[in-house]
N, C-alpha and C. Protein backbone atom coordinates (compact mmCIF):
# COMPACT_ATOMS: atom_id res chain seq x y z
N MET A 1 -32.71 -115.21 11.93
CA MET A 1 -32.00 -116.45 11.31
C MET A 1 -31.30 -116.48 10.05
N GLN A 2 -31.50 -115.14 9.61
CA GLN A 2 -31.50 -114.80 7.83
C GLN A 2 -29.72 -114.26 8.66
N SER A 3 -29.58 -113.80 9.65
CA SER A 3 -27.91 -113.14 10.01
C SER A 3 -27.37 -114.39 9.82
N ILE A 4 -27.87 -115.36 10.59
CA ILE A 4 -26.42 -116.27 10.72
C ILE A 4 -26.54 -117.38 9.73
N LYS A 5 -27.13 -117.39 9.10
CA LYS A 5 -26.76 -117.97 7.87
C LYS A 5 -26.13 -117.42 6.94
N TRP A 6 -25.69 -116.23 6.88
CA TRP A 6 -24.63 -114.68 6.20
C TRP A 6 -23.15 -115.38 7.20
N LYS A 7 -23.08 -114.66 7.97
CA LYS A 7 -22.53 -116.02 9.54
C LYS A 7 -21.52 -116.48 8.96
N GLU A 8 -22.27 -117.88 8.59
CA GLU A 8 -21.67 -119.03 8.69
C GLU A 8 -20.71 -118.97 6.87
N GLN A 9 -21.78 -118.11 6.41
CA GLN A 9 -21.07 -117.72 4.50
C GLN A 9 -20.13 -117.58 4.94
N GLU A 10 -19.84 -116.17 5.77
CA GLU A 10 -18.88 -115.96 6.03
C GLU A 10 -17.68 -116.40 6.24
N LEU A 11 -17.70 -117.07 7.54
CA LEU A 11 -17.25 -117.65 8.33
C LEU A 11 -16.51 -119.01 7.20
N PHE A 12 -17.31 -119.75 6.07
CA PHE A 12 -17.22 -121.06 4.99
C PHE A 12 -16.00 -119.83 4.24
N ARG A 13 -15.99 -118.74 3.61
CA ARG A 13 -15.23 -118.01 2.94
C ARG A 13 -14.23 -117.96 3.80
N PHE A 14 -14.19 -117.61 5.24
CA PHE A 14 -12.86 -116.96 5.79
C PHE A 14 -11.91 -118.16 5.65
N ILE A 15 -12.62 -119.42 6.00
CA ILE A 15 -11.46 -120.72 6.05
C ILE A 15 -11.40 -120.92 4.63
N GLY A 16 -12.04 -121.04 3.40
CA GLY A 16 -11.47 -121.29 2.34
C GLY A 16 -10.61 -120.56 1.72
N LEU A 17 -10.40 -119.37 2.18
CA LEU A 17 -9.09 -118.66 1.95
C LEU A 17 -7.66 -119.22 3.06
N THR A 18 -8.10 -119.55 4.42
CA THR A 18 -7.12 -119.50 4.80
C THR A 18 -5.97 -120.91 4.37
N MET A 19 -7.31 -122.08 4.34
CA MET A 19 -6.56 -123.40 3.80
C MET A 19 -6.20 -122.65 2.32
N PHE A 20 -6.73 -122.20 1.43
CA PHE A 20 -5.92 -122.10 0.26
C PHE A 20 -4.47 -121.21 0.44
N TYR A 21 -4.57 -120.27 0.99
CA TYR A 21 -3.06 -119.64 1.21
C TYR A 21 -2.37 -120.45 1.89
N PHE A 22 -2.39 -121.35 2.70
CA PHE A 22 -1.70 -122.47 3.84
C PHE A 22 -1.30 -122.98 2.20
N ILE A 23 -2.21 -123.95 1.78
CA ILE A 23 -2.04 -124.89 0.85
C ILE A 23 -0.84 -124.14 -0.08
N ILE A 24 -1.09 -122.99 -0.88
CA ILE A 24 0.45 -122.05 -1.30
C ILE A 24 1.22 -122.30 -1.30
N LEU A 25 1.18 -121.78 0.60
CA LEU A 25 3.08 -121.78 1.17
C LEU A 25 3.81 -123.53 1.32
N VAL A 26 2.51 -124.60 1.45
CA VAL A 26 2.98 -125.16 2.14
C VAL A 26 4.20 -125.73 0.72
N LEU A 27 3.03 -125.61 -0.26
CA LEU A 27 3.54 -125.51 -2.18
C LEU A 27 4.72 -125.12 -2.17
N LEU A 28 5.17 -123.74 -1.63
CA LEU A 28 6.78 -123.13 -2.12
C LEU A 28 7.47 -123.73 -1.22
N PHE A 29 7.00 -123.80 0.00
CA PHE A 29 7.65 -124.65 0.67
C PHE A 29 8.28 -126.04 0.63
N LEU A 30 7.46 -127.33 -0.16
CA LEU A 30 8.61 -127.91 -0.92
C LEU A 30 9.15 -127.92 -1.86
N ILE A 31 8.62 -127.01 -2.85
CA ILE A 31 9.77 -127.03 -4.34
C ILE A 31 10.33 -126.19 -4.01
N HIS A 32 10.93 -125.47 -2.94
CA HIS A 32 12.15 -124.74 -1.70
C HIS A 32 12.93 -126.21 -1.90
N GLY A 33 12.60 -126.83 -0.61
CA GLY A 33 13.12 -127.95 -0.15
C GLY A 33 13.33 -128.66 -1.18
N PHE A 34 12.12 -128.78 -1.92
CA PHE A 34 13.04 -129.86 -3.22
C PHE A 34 14.46 -129.21 -3.75
N HIS A 35 14.21 -128.00 -4.25
CA HIS A 35 14.86 -127.27 -5.17
C HIS A 35 16.54 -127.42 -4.27
N ASP A 36 16.77 -127.03 -2.77
CA ASP A 36 17.64 -127.24 -2.03
C ASP A 36 18.16 -128.87 -1.92
N MET A 37 17.37 -129.79 -2.11
CA MET A 37 17.95 -130.92 -2.07
C MET A 37 18.29 -131.07 -3.50
N ASP A 38 18.54 -130.10 -4.49
CA ASP A 38 18.61 -130.84 -5.72
C ASP A 38 20.52 -130.04 -6.45
N ALA A 39 20.42 -129.37 -5.26
CA ALA A 39 21.58 -128.43 -4.88
C ALA A 39 22.18 -129.11 -4.33
N GLY A 40 21.94 -130.13 -2.81
CA GLY A 40 22.66 -130.66 -3.02
C GLY A 40 23.47 -132.00 -3.09
N ALA A 41 22.89 -132.54 -3.96
CA ALA A 41 22.94 -133.54 -4.90
C ALA A 41 24.18 -132.96 -5.60
N PHE A 42 23.58 -132.08 -6.19
CA PHE A 42 24.68 -131.99 -7.54
C PHE A 42 25.59 -131.30 -6.73
N ILE A 43 25.95 -130.56 -5.77
CA ILE A 43 27.65 -130.40 -5.52
C ILE A 43 27.79 -131.67 -5.01
N TYR A 44 27.16 -132.92 -4.21
CA TYR A 44 27.88 -133.58 -4.23
C TYR A 44 28.06 -134.90 -4.72
N THR A 45 27.56 -134.56 -6.29
CA THR A 45 28.17 -135.07 -7.22
C THR A 45 29.25 -134.65 -8.39
N GLU A 46 29.74 -133.80 -7.85
CA GLU A 46 30.08 -132.31 -8.62
C GLU A 46 31.99 -132.64 -7.97
N PHE A 47 31.75 -133.20 -6.68
CA PHE A 47 33.47 -133.53 -6.21
C PHE A 47 33.09 -135.03 -5.72
C-alpha cells in the first residue's frame, strides 16, 4: 500500500513538471508571436 502511494506522488510530480514546462513553452511562443506581430505592424506603418 505504501509503494502505491509513493508511485502516485511520483506520478503527480511528473505531471506537474510536464505542465510547468508546457506552460513555459506556450508563454514563450505567445511572446515570440506578439513580438513578430509588433514587427509586422511597425513595417506596415513604416511604408
